[in-house]
PDB file of N, CA and C in Angstrom:
ATOM      1  N   MET A   1     118.458 -86.648  87.770  1.00  0.00           N
ATOM      2  CA  MET A   1     117.320 -85.968  88.356  1.00  0.00           C
ATOM      3  C   MET A   1     116.041 -86.590  87.809  1.00  0.00           C
ATOM      4  N   ASP A   2     115.088 -86.794  88.692  1.00  0.00           N
ATOM      5  CA  ASP A   2     113.800 -87.335  88.272  1.00  0.00           C
ATOM      6  C   ASP A   2     113.093 -86.349  87.359  1.00  0.00           C
ATOM      7  N   PRO A   3     112.238 -86.849  86.472  1.00  0.00           N
ATOM      8  CA  PRO A   3     111.506 -85.943  85.574  1.00  0.00           C
ATOM      9  C   PRO A   3     110.489 -85.094  86.340  1.00  0.00           C
ATOM     10  N   PHE A   4     110.119 -84.006  85.724  1.00  0.00           N
ATOM     11  CA  PHE A   4     109.086 -83.155  86.300  1.00  0.00           C
ATOM     12  C   PHE A   4     107.879 -83.166  85.376  1.00  0.00           C
ATOM     13  N   THR A   5     106.749 -82.718  85.899  1.00  0.00           N
ATOM     14  CA  THR A   5     105.533 -82.608  85.089  1.00  0.00           C
ATOM     15  C   THR A   5     105.261 -81.142  84.809  1.00  0.00           C
ATOM     16  N   ALA A   6     104.745 -80.889  83.633  1.00  0.00           N
ATOM     17  CA  ALA A   6     104.365 -79.542  83.241  1.00  0.00           C
ATOM     18  C   ALA A   6     102.926 -79.578  82.748  1.00  0.00           C
ATOM     19  N   THR A   7     102.124 -78.636  83.220  1.00  0.00           N
ATOM     20  CA  THR A   7     100.736 -78.534  82.770  1.00  0.00           C
ATOM     21  C   THR A   7     100.420 -77.078  82.473  1.00  0.00           C
ATOM     22  N   VAL A   8      99.486 -76.879  81.581  1.00  0.00           N
ATOM     23  CA  VAL A   8      98.987 -75.538  81.274  1.00  0.00           C
ATOM     24  C   VAL A   8      97.493 -75.560  81.522  1.00  0.00           C
ATOM     25  N   THR A   9      97.004 -74.575  82.259  1.00  0.00           N
ATOM     26  CA  THR A   9      95.568 -74.462  82.510  1.00  0.00           C
ATOM     27  C   THR A   9      95.086 -73.104  82.020  1.00  0.00           C
ATOM     28  N   ALA A  10      93.813 -73.034  81.715  1.00  0.00           N
ATOM     29  CA  ALA A  10      93.253 -71.765  81.221  1.00  0.00           C
ATOM     30  C   ALA A  10      91.922 -71.457  81.888  1.00  0.00           C
ATOM     31  N   ASP A  11      91.745 -71.885  83.132  1.00  0.00           N
ATOM     32  CA  ASP A  11      90.461 -71.677  83.805  1.00  0.00           C
ATOM     33  C   ASP A  11      90.689 -71.185  85.218  1.00  0.00           C
ATOM     34  N   PRO A  12      90.420 -69.974  85.593  1.00  0.00           N
ATOM     35  CA  PRO A  12      89.902 -68.904  84.744  1.00  0.00           C
ATOM     36  C   PRO A  12      91.019 -68.153  84.021  1.00  0.00           C
ATOM     37  N   ASN A  13      92.268 -68.223  84.532  1.00  0.00           N
ATOM     38  CA  ASN A  13      93.378 -67.511  83.898  1.00  0.00           C
ATOM     39  C   ASN A  13      94.393 -68.503  83.351  1.00  0.00           C
ATOM     40  N   LEU A  14      95.182 -68.058  82.409  1.00  0.00           N
ATOM     41  CA  LEU A  14      96.214 -68.887  81.809  1.00  0.00           C
ATOM     42  C   LEU A  14      97.358 -69.062  82.800  1.00  0.00           C
ATOM     43  N   SER A  15      97.750 -70.316  83.056  1.00  0.00           N
ATOM     44  CA  SER A  15      98.874 -70.547  83.958  1.00  0.00           C
ATOM     45  C   SER A  15      99.697 -71.743  83.492  1.00  0.00           C
ATOM     46  N   LEU A  16     100.965 -71.688  83.821  1.00  0.00           N
ATOM     47  CA  LEU A  16     101.906 -72.771  83.560  1.00  0.00           C
ATOM     48  C   LEU A  16     102.322 -73.319  84.903  1.00  0.00           C
ATOM     49  N   ASN A  17     102.285 -74.636  85.049  1.00  0.00           N
ATOM     50  CA  ASN A  17     102.609 -75.279  86.324  1.00  0.00           C
ATOM     51  C   ASN A  17     103.678 -76.337  86.104  1.00  0.00           C
ATOM     52  N   LEU A  18     104.727 -76.285  86.910  1.00  0.00           N
ATOM     53  CA  LEU A  18     105.792 -77.286  86.887  1.00  0.00           C
ATOM     54  C   LEU A  18     105.849 -77.945  88.251  1.00  0.00           C
ATOM     55  N   GLU A  19     105.980 -79.261  88.275  1.00  0.00           N
ATOM     56  CA  GLU A  19     106.060 -79.987  89.550  1.00  0.00           C
ATOM     57  C   GLU A  19     107.167 -81.022  89.482  1.00  0.00           C
ATOM     58  N   TRP A  20     107.947 -81.096  90.549  1.00  0.00           N
ATOM     59  CA  TRP A  20     109.005 -82.099  90.675  1.00  0.00           C
ATOM     60  C   TRP A  20     109.021 -82.575  92.113  1.00  0.00           C
ATOM     61  N   MET A  21     109.234 -83.857  92.313  1.00  0.00           N
ATOM     62  CA  MET A  21     109.433 -84.379  93.662  1.00  0.00           C
ATOM     63  C   MET A  21     110.260 -85.652  93.588  1.00  0.00           C
ATOM     64  N   ALA A  22     111.016 -85.893  94.651  1.00  0.00           N
ATOM     65  CA  ALA A  22     111.832 -87.102  94.744  1.00  0.00           C
ATOM     66  C   ALA A  22     112.163 -87.343  96.207  1.00  0.00           C
ATOM     67  N   VAL A  23     112.381 -88.589  96.547  1.00  0.00           N
ATOM     68  CA  VAL A  23     112.714 -88.951  97.931  1.00  0.00           C
ATOM     69  C   VAL A  23     114.210 -88.774  98.149  1.00  0.00           C
ATOM     70  N   GLY A  24     114.543 -87.958  99.165  1.00  0.00           N
ATOM     71  CA  GLY A  24     115.926 -87.787  99.587  1.00  0.00           C
ATOM     72  C   GLY A  24     116.843 -87.070  98.614  1.00  0.00           C
ATOM     73  N   GLU A  25     116.313 -86.437  97.598  1.00  0.00           N
ATOM     74  CA  GLU A  25     117.139 -85.788  96.576  1.00  0.00           C
ATOM     75  C   GLU A  25     117.229 -84.280  96.812  1.00  0.00           C
ATOM     76  N   PRO A  26     118.369 -83.681  96.468  1.00  0.00           N
ATOM     77  CA  PRO A  26     118.456 -82.219  96.530  1.00  0.00           C
ATOM     78  C   PRO A  26     117.673 -81.604  95.372  1.00  0.00           C
ATOM     79  N   ILE A  27     117.223 -80.382  95.556  1.00  0.00           N
ATOM     80  CA  ILE A  27     116.490 -79.672  94.505  1.00  0.00           C
ATOM     81  C   ILE A  27     117.512 -79.063  93.546  1.00  0.00           C
ATOM     82  N   GLU A  28     117.438 -79.457  92.288  1.00  0.00           N
ATOM     83  CA  GLU A  28     118.378 -78.955  91.291  1.00  0.00           C
ATOM     84  C   GLU A  28     117.731 -77.961  90.334  1.00  0.00           C
ATOM     85  N   LEU A  29     116.475 -77.617  90.569  1.00  0.00           N
ATOM     86  CA  LEU A  29     115.758 -76.666  89.721  1.00  0.00           C
ATOM     87  C   LEU A  29     115.778 -75.286  90.366  1.00  0.00           C
ATOM     88  N   ASP A  30     115.853 -74.251  89.553  1.00  0.00           N
ATOM     89  CA  ASP A  30     115.841 -72.886  90.059  1.00  0.00           C
ATOM     90  C   ASP A  30     115.276 -71.975  88.971  1.00  0.00           C
ATOM     91  N   VAL A  31     113.975 -71.921  88.878  1.00  0.00           N
ATOM     92  CA  VAL A  31     113.311 -71.148  87.833  1.00  0.00           C
ATOM     93  C   VAL A  31     113.587 -69.654  87.987  1.00  0.00           C
ATOM     94  N   GLU A  32     113.653 -69.167  89.232  1.00  0.00           N
ATOM     95  CA  GLU A  32     113.928 -67.747  89.443  1.00  0.00           C
ATOM     96  C   GLU A  32     115.258 -67.335  88.806  1.00  0.00           C
ATOM     97  N   SER A  33     116.303 -68.110  89.051  1.00  0.00           N
ATOM     98  CA  SER A  33     117.619 -67.792  88.476  1.00  0.00           C
ATOM     99  C   SER A  33     117.618 -67.924  86.961  1.00  0.00           C
ATOM    100  N   ALA A  34     116.910 -68.921  86.447  1.00  0.00           N
ATOM    101  CA  ALA A  34     116.825 -69.096  84.997  1.00  0.00           C
ATOM    102  C   ALA A  34     116.185 -67.870  84.344  1.00  0.00           C
ATOM    103  N   LEU A  35     115.122 -67.355  84.949  1.00  0.00           N
ATOM    104  CA  LEU A  35     114.469 -66.161  84.412  1.00  0.00           C
ATOM    105  C   LEU A  35     115.381 -64.937  84.514  1.00  0.00           C
ATOM    106  N   THR A  36     116.033 -64.774  85.651  1.00  0.00           N
ATOM    107  CA  THR A  36     116.943 -63.645  85.862  1.00  0.00           C
ATOM    108  C   THR A  36     118.092 -63.692  84.858  1.00  0.00           C
ATOM    109  N   ASN A  37     118.630 -64.888  84.620  1.00  0.00           N
ATOM    110  CA  ASN A  37     119.726 -65.029  83.655  1.00  0.00           C
ATOM    111  C   ASN A  37     119.299 -64.669  82.242  1.00  0.00           C
ATOM    112  N   ARG A  38     118.000 -64.686  81.993  1.00  0.00           N
ATOM    113  CA  ARG A  38     117.485 -64.338  80.669  1.00  0.00           C
ATOM    114  C   ARG A  38     116.930 -62.913  80.621  1.00  0.00           C
ATOM    115  N   GLY A  39     117.278 -62.113  81.629  1.00  0.00           N
ATOM    116  CA  GLY A  39     116.935 -60.702  81.604  1.00  0.00           C
ATOM    117  C   GLY A  39     115.688 -60.300  82.362  1.00  0.00           C
ATOM    118  N   ALA A  40     115.007 -61.233  82.988  1.00  0.00           N
ATOM    119  CA  ALA A  40     113.804 -60.894  83.755  1.00  0.00           C
ATOM    120  C   ALA A  40     114.181 -60.267  85.092  1.00  0.00           C
ATOM    121  N   ARG A  41     113.312 -59.425  85.588  1.00  0.00           N
ATOM    122  CA  ARG A  41     113.444 -58.903  86.949  1.00  0.00           C
ATOM    123  C   ARG A  41     112.419 -59.641  87.796  1.00  0.00           C
ATOM    124  N   VAL A  42     112.902 -60.359  88.798  1.00  0.00           N
ATOM    125  CA  VAL A  42     112.043 -61.151  89.677  1.00  0.00           C
ATOM    126  C   VAL A  42     112.038 -60.469  91.042  1.00  0.00           C
ATOM    127  N   THR A  43     110.840 -60.047  91.488  1.00  0.00           N
ATOM    128  CA  THR A  43     110.700 -59.289  92.726  1.00  0.00           C
ATOM    129  C   THR A  43     109.754 -60.031  93.663  1.00  0.00           C
ATOM    130  N   MET A  44     110.185 -60.221  94.904  1.00  0.00           N
ATOM    131  CA  MET A  44     109.346 -60.917  95.877  1.00  0.00           C
ATOM    132  C   MET A  44     108.143 -60.068  96.262  1.00  0.00           C
ATOM    133  N   ILE A  45     106.972 -60.700  96.248  1.00  0.00           N
ATOM    134  CA  ILE A  45     105.750 -60.070  96.744  1.00  0.00           C
ATOM    135  C   ILE A  45     105.515 -60.519  98.174  1.00  0.00           C
ATOM    136  N   ALA A  46     105.690 -61.828  98.415  1.00  0.00           N
ATOM    137  CA  ALA A  46     105.439 -62.369  99.745  1.00  0.00           C
ATOM    138  C   ALA A  46     106.103 -63.721  99.898  1.00  0.00           C
ATOM    139  N   CYS A  47     106.297 -64.120 101.159  1.00  0.00           N
ATOM    140  CA  CYS A  47     106.888 -65.413 101.465  1.00  0.00           C
ATOM    141  C   CYS A  47     106.219 -65.972 102.717  1.00  0.00           C
ATOM    142  N   ALA A  48     105.937 -67.255 102.672  1.00  0.00           N
ATOM    143  CA  ALA A  48     105.499 -67.994 103.860  1.00  0.00           C
ATOM    144  C   ALA A  48     106.520 -69.114 104.029  1.00  0.00           C
ATOM    145  N   SER A  49     107.281 -69.063 105.111  1.00  0.00           N
ATOM    146  CA  SER A  49     108.319 -70.072 105.321  1.00  0.00           C
ATOM    147  C   SER A  49     107.984 -70.907 106.548  1.00  0.00           C
ATOM    148  N   TYR A  50     108.364 -72.160 106.455  1.00  0.00           N
ATOM    149  CA  TYR A  50     108.033 -73.136 107.505  1.00  0.00           C
ATOM    150  C   TYR A  50     109.305 -73.871 107.872  1.00  0.00           C
ATOM    151  N   GLY A  51     109.994 -73.385 108.898  1.00  0.00           N
ATOM    152  CA  GLY A  51     111.266 -73.979 109.262  1.00  0.00           C
ATOM    153  C   GLY A  51     112.347 -73.568 108.272  1.00  0.00           C
ATOM    154  N   ALA A  52     113.472 -74.260 108.324  1.00  0.00           N
ATOM    155  CA  ALA A  52     114.629 -73.885 107.513  1.00  0.00           C
ATOM    156  C   ALA A  52     114.580 -74.425 106.094  1.00  0.00           C
ATOM    157  N   SER A  53     113.699 -75.372 105.811  1.00  0.00           N
ATOM    158  CA  SER A  53     113.795 -76.024 104.510  1.00  0.00           C
ATOM    159  C   SER A  53     112.546 -75.949 103.641  1.00  0.00           C
ATOM    160  N   GLU A  54     111.495 -75.259 104.092  1.00  0.00           N
ATOM    161  CA  GLU A  54     110.251 -75.255 103.335  1.00  0.00           C
ATOM    162  C   GLU A  54     109.704 -73.829 103.231  1.00  0.00           C
ATOM    163  N   SER A  55     109.278 -73.453 102.004  1.00  0.00           N
ATOM    164  CA  SER A  55     108.726 -72.113 101.827  1.00  0.00           C
ATOM    165  C   SER A  55     107.813 -72.064 100.604  1.00  0.00           C
ATOM    166  N   VAL A  56     106.967 -71.036 100.611  1.00  0.00           N
ATOM    167  CA  VAL A  56     106.151 -70.687  99.456  1.00  0.00           C
ATOM    168  C   VAL A  56     106.441 -69.210  99.199  1.00  0.00           C
ATOM    169  N   VAL A  57     106.916 -68.909  97.991  1.00  0.00           N
ATOM    170  CA  VAL A  57     107.307 -67.545  97.644  1.00  0.00           C
ATOM    171  C   VAL A  57     106.482 -67.094  96.439  1.00  0.00           C
ATOM    172  N   VAL A  58     105.841 -65.938  96.569  1.00  0.00           N
ATOM    173  CA  VAL A  58     105.081 -65.352  95.465  1.00  0.00           C
ATOM    174  C   VAL A  58     105.903 -64.180  94.941  1.00  0.00           C
ATOM    175  N   GLN A  59     106.137 -64.178  93.621  1.00  0.00           N
ATOM    176  CA  GLN A  59     107.001 -63.174  93.024  1.00  0.00           C
ATOM    177  C   GLN A  59     106.340 -62.524  91.808  1.00  0.00           C
ATOM    178  N   ARG A  60     106.778 -61.330  91.520  1.00  0.00           N
ATOM    179  CA  ARG A  60     106.374 -60.622  90.301  1.00  0.00           C
ATOM    180  C   ARG A  60     107.520 -60.778  89.316  1.00  0.00           C
ATOM    181  N   VAL A  61     107.195 -61.143  88.078  1.00  0.00           N
ATOM    182  CA  VAL A  61     108.214 -61.307  87.044  1.00  0.00           C
ATOM    183  C   VAL A  61     107.963 -60.273  85.954  1.00  0.00           C
ATOM    184  N   ASP A  62     108.959 -59.425  85.709  1.00  0.00           N
ATOM    185  CA  ASP A  62     108.904 -58.408  84.662  1.00  0.00           C
ATOM    186  C   ASP A  62     109.944 -58.746  83.601  1.00  0.00           C
ATOM    187  N   MET A  63     109.496 -58.810  82.352  1.00  0.00           N
ATOM    188  CA  MET A  63     110.395 -59.052  81.220  1.00  0.00           C
ATOM    189  C   MET A  63     110.085 -58.016  80.144  1.00  0.00           C
ATOM    190  N   VAL A  64     111.120 -57.447  79.546  1.00  0.00           N
ATOM    191  CA  VAL A  64     110.937 -56.443  78.504  1.00  0.00           C
ATOM    192  C   VAL A  64     110.076 -57.028  77.386  1.00  0.00           C
ATOM    193  N   GLY A  65     109.031 -56.285  77.011  1.00  0.00           N
ATOM    194  CA  GLY A  65     108.170 -56.695  75.922  1.00  0.00           C
ATOM    195  C   GLY A  65     107.074 -57.672  76.312  1.00  0.00           C
ATOM    196  N   HIS A  66     106.974 -57.981  77.601  1.00  0.00           N
ATOM    197  CA  HIS A  66     105.958 -58.922  78.076  1.00  0.00           C
ATOM    198  C   HIS A  66     105.171 -58.322  79.234  1.00  0.00           C
ATOM    199  N   THR A  67     103.949 -58.761  79.389  1.00  0.00           N
ATOM    200  CA  THR A  67     103.124 -58.338  80.516  1.00  0.00           C
ATOM    201  C   THR A  67     103.672 -58.969  81.791  1.00  0.00           C
ATOM    202  N   PRO A  68     103.807 -58.202  82.881  1.00  0.00           N
ATOM    203  CA  PRO A  68     104.255 -58.792  84.142  1.00  0.00           C
ATOM    204  C   PRO A  68     103.314 -59.917  84.576  1.00  0.00           C
ATOM    205  N   PHE A  69     103.870 -60.912  85.249  1.00  0.00           N
ATOM    206  CA  PHE A  69     103.040 -62.004  85.743  1.00  0.00           C
ATOM    207  C   PHE A  69     103.485 -62.421  87.132  1.00  0.00           C
ATOM    208  N   ALA A  70     102.592 -63.117  87.824  1.00  0.00           N
ATOM    209  CA  ALA A  70     102.875 -63.612  89.175  1.00  0.00           C
ATOM    210  C   ALA A  70     103.361 -65.047  89.080  1.00  0.00           C
ATOM    211  N   MET A  71     104.371 -65.366  89.872  1.00  0.00           N
ATOM    212  CA  MET A  71     104.914 -66.719  89.917  1.00  0.00           C
ATOM    213  C   MET A  71     105.006 -67.163  91.375  1.00  0.00           C
ATOM    214  N   THR A  72     104.480 -68.332  91.655  1.00  0.00           N
ATOM    215  CA  THR A  72     104.553 -68.898  92.998  1.00  0.00           C
ATOM    216  C   THR A  72     105.472 -70.104  92.965  1.00  0.00           C
ATOM    217  N   VAL A  73     106.462 -70.112  93.856  1.00  0.00           N
ATOM    218  CA  VAL A  73     107.398 -71.228  93.955  1.00  0.00           C
ATOM    219  C   VAL A  73     107.270 -71.818  95.355  1.00  0.00           C
ATOM    220  N   ALA A  74     106.887 -73.084  95.411  1.00  0.00           N
ATOM    221  CA  ALA A  74     106.814 -73.799  96.683  1.00  0.00           C
ATOM    222  C   ALA A  74     107.914 -74.857  96.675  1.00  0.00           C
ATOM    223  N   SER A  75     108.692 -74.911  97.741  1.00  0.00           N
ATOM    224  CA  SER A  75     109.777 -75.886  97.769  1.00  0.00           C
ATOM    225  C   SER A  75     109.965 -76.445  99.168  1.00  0.00           C
ATOM    226  N   ARG A  76     110.453 -77.666  99.176  1.00  0.00           N
ATOM    227  CA  ARG A  76     110.797 -78.334 100.438  1.00  0.00           C
ATOM    228  C   ARG A  76     112.020 -79.178 100.178  1.00  0.00           C
ATOM    229  N   HIS A  77     113.095 -78.867 100.866  1.00  0.00           N
ATOM    230  CA  HIS A  77     114.317 -79.652 100.774  1.00  0.00           C
ATOM    231  C   HIS A  77     114.195 -80.811 101.759  1.00  0.00           C
ATOM    232  N   ALA A  78     114.417 -82.023 101.287  1.00  0.00           N
ATOM    233  CA  ALA A  78     114.281 -83.200 102.152  1.00  0.00           C
ATOM    234  C   ALA A  78     115.253 -83.102 103.320  1.00  0.00           C
ATOM    235  N   PRO A  79     114.738 -83.130 104.549  1.00  0.00           N
ATOM    236  CA  PRO A  79     115.622 -83.035 105.709  1.00  0.00           C
ATOM    237  C   PRO A  79     116.362 -84.339 105.991  1.00  0.00           C
ATOM    238  N   THR A  80     115.863 -85.456 105.462  1.00  0.00           N
ATOM    239  CA  THR A  80     116.508 -86.759 105.656  1.00  0.00           C
ATOM    240  C   THR A  80     116.450 -87.530 104.344  1.00  0.00           C
ATOM    241  N   ALA A  81     117.221 -88.586 104.254  1.00  0.00           N
ATOM    242  CA  ALA A  81     117.284 -89.377 103.025  1.00  0.00           C
ATOM    243  C   ALA A  81     115.958 -90.048 102.683  1.00  0.00           C
ATOM    244  N   SER A  82     115.102 -90.265 103.673  1.00  0.00           N
ATOM    245  CA  SER A  82     113.832 -90.942 103.399  1.00  0.00           C
ATOM    246  C   SER A  82     112.662 -89.967 103.243  1.00  0.00           C
ATOM    247  N   ALA A  83     112.934 -88.674 103.340  1.00  0.00           N
ATOM    248  CA  ALA A  83     111.879 -87.667 103.203  1.00  0.00           C
ATOM    249  C   ALA A  83     111.790 -87.201 101.744  1.00  0.00           C
ATOM    250  N   THR A  84     110.670 -86.592 101.406  1.00  0.00           N
ATOM    251  CA  THR A  84     110.432 -86.131 100.040  1.00  0.00           C
ATOM    252  C   THR A  84     110.805 -84.664  99.872  1.00  0.00           C
ATOM    253  N   SER A  85     111.567 -84.387  98.815  1.00  0.00           N
ATOM    254  CA  SER A  85     111.818 -83.014  98.375  1.00  0.00           C
ATOM    255  C   SER A  85     110.785 -82.686  97.325  1.00  0.00           C
ATOM    256  N   TYR A  86     110.352 -81.438  97.276  1.00  0.00           N
ATOM    257  CA  TYR A  86     109.472 -81.038  96.178  1.00  0.00           C
ATOM    258  C   TYR A  86     109.774 -79.611  95.760  1.00  0.00           C
ATOM    259  N   TYR A  87     109.438 -79.317  94.501  1.00  0.00           N
ATOM    260  CA  TYR A  87     109.635 -77.993  93.926  1.00  0.00           C
ATOM    261  C   TYR A  87     108.515 -77.799  92.931  1.00  0.00           C
ATOM    262  N   THR A  88     107.649 -76.835  93.183  1.00  0.00           N
ATOM    263  CA  THR A  88     106.547 -76.565  92.264  1.00  0.00           C
ATOM    264  C   THR A  88     106.552 -75.083  91.912  1.00  0.00           C
ATOM    265  N   VAL A  89     106.248 -74.822  90.662  1.00  0.00           N
ATOM    266  CA  VAL A  89     106.187 -73.453  90.165  1.00  0.00           C
ATOM    267  C   VAL A  89     104.849 -73.275  89.466  1.00  0.00           C
ATOM    268  N   SER A  90     104.162 -72.211  89.807  1.00  0.00           N
ATOM    269  CA  SER A  90     102.915 -71.871  89.126  1.00  0.00           C
ATOM    270  C   SER A  90     103.022 -70.428  88.670  1.00  0.00           C
ATOM    271  N   ALA A  91     102.960 -70.233  87.368  1.00  0.00           N
ATOM    272  CA  ALA A  91     103.049 -68.885  86.801  1.00  0.00           C
ATOM    273  C   ALA A  91     101.685 -68.494  86.265  1.00  0.00           C
ATOM    274  N   ALA A  92     101.066 -67.508  86.902  1.00  0.00           N
ATOM    275  CA  ALA A  92      99.763 -66.980  86.465  1.00  0.00           C
ATOM    276  C   ALA A  92     100.039 -65.931  85.396  1.00  0.00           C
ATOM    277  N   LEU A  93      99.898 -66.314  84.137  1.00  0.00           N
ATOM    278  CA  LEU A  93     100.397 -65.499  83.034  1.00  0.00           C
ATOM    279  C   LEU A  93      99.524 -64.319  82.640  1.00  0.00           C
ATOM    280  N   ASN A  94      98.233 -64.355  82.939  1.00  0.00           N
ATOM    281  CA  ASN A  94      97.396 -63.219  82.535  1.00  0.00           C
ATOM    282  C   ASN A  94      96.388 -62.818  83.605  1.00  0.00           C
ATOM    283  N   GLY A  95      96.593 -63.231  84.800  1.00  0.00           N
ATOM    284  CA  GLY A  95      95.683 -62.849  85.874  1.00  0.00           C
ATOM    285  C   GLY A  95      96.184 -61.621  86.600  1.00  0.00           C
ATOM    286  N   PRO A  96      95.446 -61.183  87.598  1.00  0.00           N
ATOM    287  CA  PRO A  96      95.878 -60.011  88.371  1.00  0.00           C
ATOM    288  C   PRO A  96      97.102 -60.349  89.234  1.00  0.00           C
ATOM    289  N   LEU A  97      97.958 -59.370  89.451  1.00  0.00           N
ATOM    290  CA  LEU A  97      99.128 -59.550  90.317  1.00  0.00           C
ATOM    291  C   LEU A  97      98.694 -59.365  91.768  1.00  0.00           C
ATOM    292  N   PRO A  98      98.943 -60.348  92.621  1.00  0.00           N
ATOM    293  CA  PRO A  98      98.536 -60.210  94.018  1.00  0.00           C
ATOM    294  C   PRO A  98      99.468 -59.267  94.780  1.00  0.00           C
ATOM    295  N   THR A  99      98.980 -58.748  95.872  1.00  0.00           N
ATOM    296  CA  THR A  99      99.802 -57.967  96.790  1.00  0.00           C
ATOM    297  C   THR A  99      99.945 -58.767  98.078  1.00  0.00           C
ATOM    298  N   LEU A 100     100.838 -58.326  98.937  1.00  0.00           N
ATOM    299  CA  LEU A 100     100.988 -58.968 100.242  1.00  0.00           C
ATOM    300  C   LEU A 100      99.667 -58.918 101.004  1.00  0.00           C
ATOM    301  N   ALA A 101      98.992 -57.790 100.942  1.00  0.00           N
ATOM    302  CA  ALA A 101      97.695 -57.650 101.626  1.00  0.00           C
ATOM    303  C   ALA A 101      96.663 -58.625 101.058  1.00  0.00           C
ATOM    304  N   ASP A 102      96.642 -58.803  99.734  1.00  0.00           N
ATOM    305  CA  ASP A 102      95.715 -59.758  99.113  1.00  0.00           C
ATOM    306  C   ASP A 102      95.960 -61.170  99.642  1.00  0.00           C
ATOM    307  N   LEU A 103      97.225 -61.568  99.706  1.00  0.00           N
ATOM    308  CA  LEU A 103      97.568 -62.915 100.161  1.00  0.00           C
ATOM    309  C   LEU A 103      97.203 -63.113 101.631  1.00  0.00           C
ATOM    310  N   ARG A 104      97.484 -62.100 102.449  1.00  0.00           N
ATOM    311  CA  ARG A 104      97.133 -62.198 103.873  1.00  0.00           C
ATOM    312  C   ARG A 104      95.622 -62.279 104.070  1.00  0.00           C
ATOM    313  N   ARG A 105      94.893 -61.540 103.259  1.00  0.00           N
ATOM    314  CA  ARG A 105      93.434 -61.566 103.348  1.00  0.00           C
ATOM    315  C   ARG A 105      92.879 -62.929 102.912  1.00  0.00           C
ATOM    316  N   ALA A 106      93.441 -63.490 101.844  1.00  0.00           N
ATOM    317  CA  ALA A 106      92.961 -64.764 101.304  1.00  0.00           C
ATOM    318  C   ALA A 106      93.308 -65.942 102.207  1.00  0.00           C
ATOM    319  N   ASP A 107      94.454 -65.866 102.901  1.00  0.00           N
ATOM    320  CA  ASP A 107      94.886 -66.978 103.766  1.00  0.00           C
ATOM    321  C   ASP A 107      95.600 -66.409 104.989  1.00  0.00           C
ATOM    322  N   PRO A 108      94.840 -65.928 105.965  1.00  0.00           N
ATOM    323  CA  PRO A 108      95.448 -65.260 107.126  1.00  0.00           C
ATOM    324  C   PRO A 108      96.312 -66.179 107.989  1.00  0.00           C
ATOM    325  N   ASP A 109      96.138 -67.477 107.881  1.00  0.00           N
ATOM    326  CA  ASP A 109      96.908 -68.407 108.708  1.00  0.00           C
ATOM    327  C   ASP A 109      98.218 -68.848 108.065  1.00  0.00           C
ATOM    328  N   ALA A 110      98.483 -68.442 106.844  1.00  0.00           N
ATOM    329  CA  ALA A 110      99.687 -68.897 106.138  1.00  0.00           C
ATOM    330  C   ALA A 110     100.976 -68.263 106.643  1.00  0.00           C
ATOM    331  N   GLY A 111     100.875 -67.127 107.303  1.00  0.00           N
ATOM    332  CA  GLY A 111     102.070 -66.458 107.808  1.00  0.00           C
ATOM    333  C   GLY A 111     102.840 -65.706 106.727  1.00  0.00           C
ATOM    334  N   TRP A 112     102.110 -65.045 105.829  1.00  0.00           N
ATOM    335  CA  TRP A 112     102.759 -64.298 104.747  1.00  0.00           C
ATOM    336  C   TRP A 112     103.568 -63.132 105.299  1.00  0.00           C
ATOM    337  N   ASN A 113     104.787 -62.951 104.789  1.00  0.00           N
ATOM    338  CA  ASN A 113     105.663 -61.839 105.152  1.00  0.00           C
ATOM    339  C   ASN A 113     106.228 -61.211 103.878  1.00  0.00           C
ATOM    340  N   ALA A 114     106.793 -60.016 104.015  1.00  0.00           N
ATOM    341  CA  ALA A 114     107.390 -59.342 102.863  1.00  0.00           C
ATOM    342  C   ALA A 114     108.718 -59.978 102.476  1.00  0.00           C
ATOM    343  N   THR A 115     109.341 -60.686 103.405  1.00  0.00           N
ATOM    344  CA  THR A 115     110.590 -61.418 103.142  1.00  0.00           C
ATOM    345  C   THR A 115     110.462 -62.806 103.772  1.00  0.00           C
ATOM    346  N   CYS A 116     111.357 -63.700 103.392  1.00  0.00           N
ATOM    347  CA  CYS A 116     111.341 -65.038 103.996  1.00  0.00           C
ATOM    348  C   CYS A 116     112.004 -64.982 105.364  1.00  0.00           C
ATOM    349  N   VAL A 117     111.310 -65.519 106.352  1.00  0.00           N
ATOM    350  CA  VAL A 117     111.822 -65.573 107.714  1.00  0.00           C
ATOM    351  C   VAL A 117     111.943 -67.054 108.070  1.00  0.00           C
ATOM    352  N   TYR A 118     113.183 -67.537 108.123  1.00  0.00           N
ATOM    353  CA  TYR A 118     113.395 -68.964 108.410  1.00  0.00           C
ATOM    354  C   TYR A 118     113.667 -69.151 109.887  1.00  0.00           C
ATOM    355  N   ASP A 119     112.915 -70.054 110.482  1.00  0.00           N
ATOM    356  CA  ASP A 119     113.086 -70.314 111.923  1.00  0.00           C
ATOM    357  C   ASP A 119     114.123 -71.386 112.143  1.00  0.00           C
TER     358      ASP A 119
END
């Protein structure tokens, strides 16, 4: 698997960002499952899906002893061997938790839904 990049930003809120991409490769990362396996409760806030292989999912992550945080996972599974797969995770660690209404208001054209709807 190709390496991924990790960055931490603190402007205006503290966030951790992971990015991975490769041409024609399957996505082998699954941060949601990793968190769940470690006792976190991951709850979907909203999803914008684009066809069968691409989506942006905003989730709430609750862990005992920690402040809940919002996590956005954007992924695209390469539909062909020459196309690019990508997987990015952005965890807003101390900012406000968005709602579905907040996301729809901020980007009305994104097609935010309460669940993922794959066409």
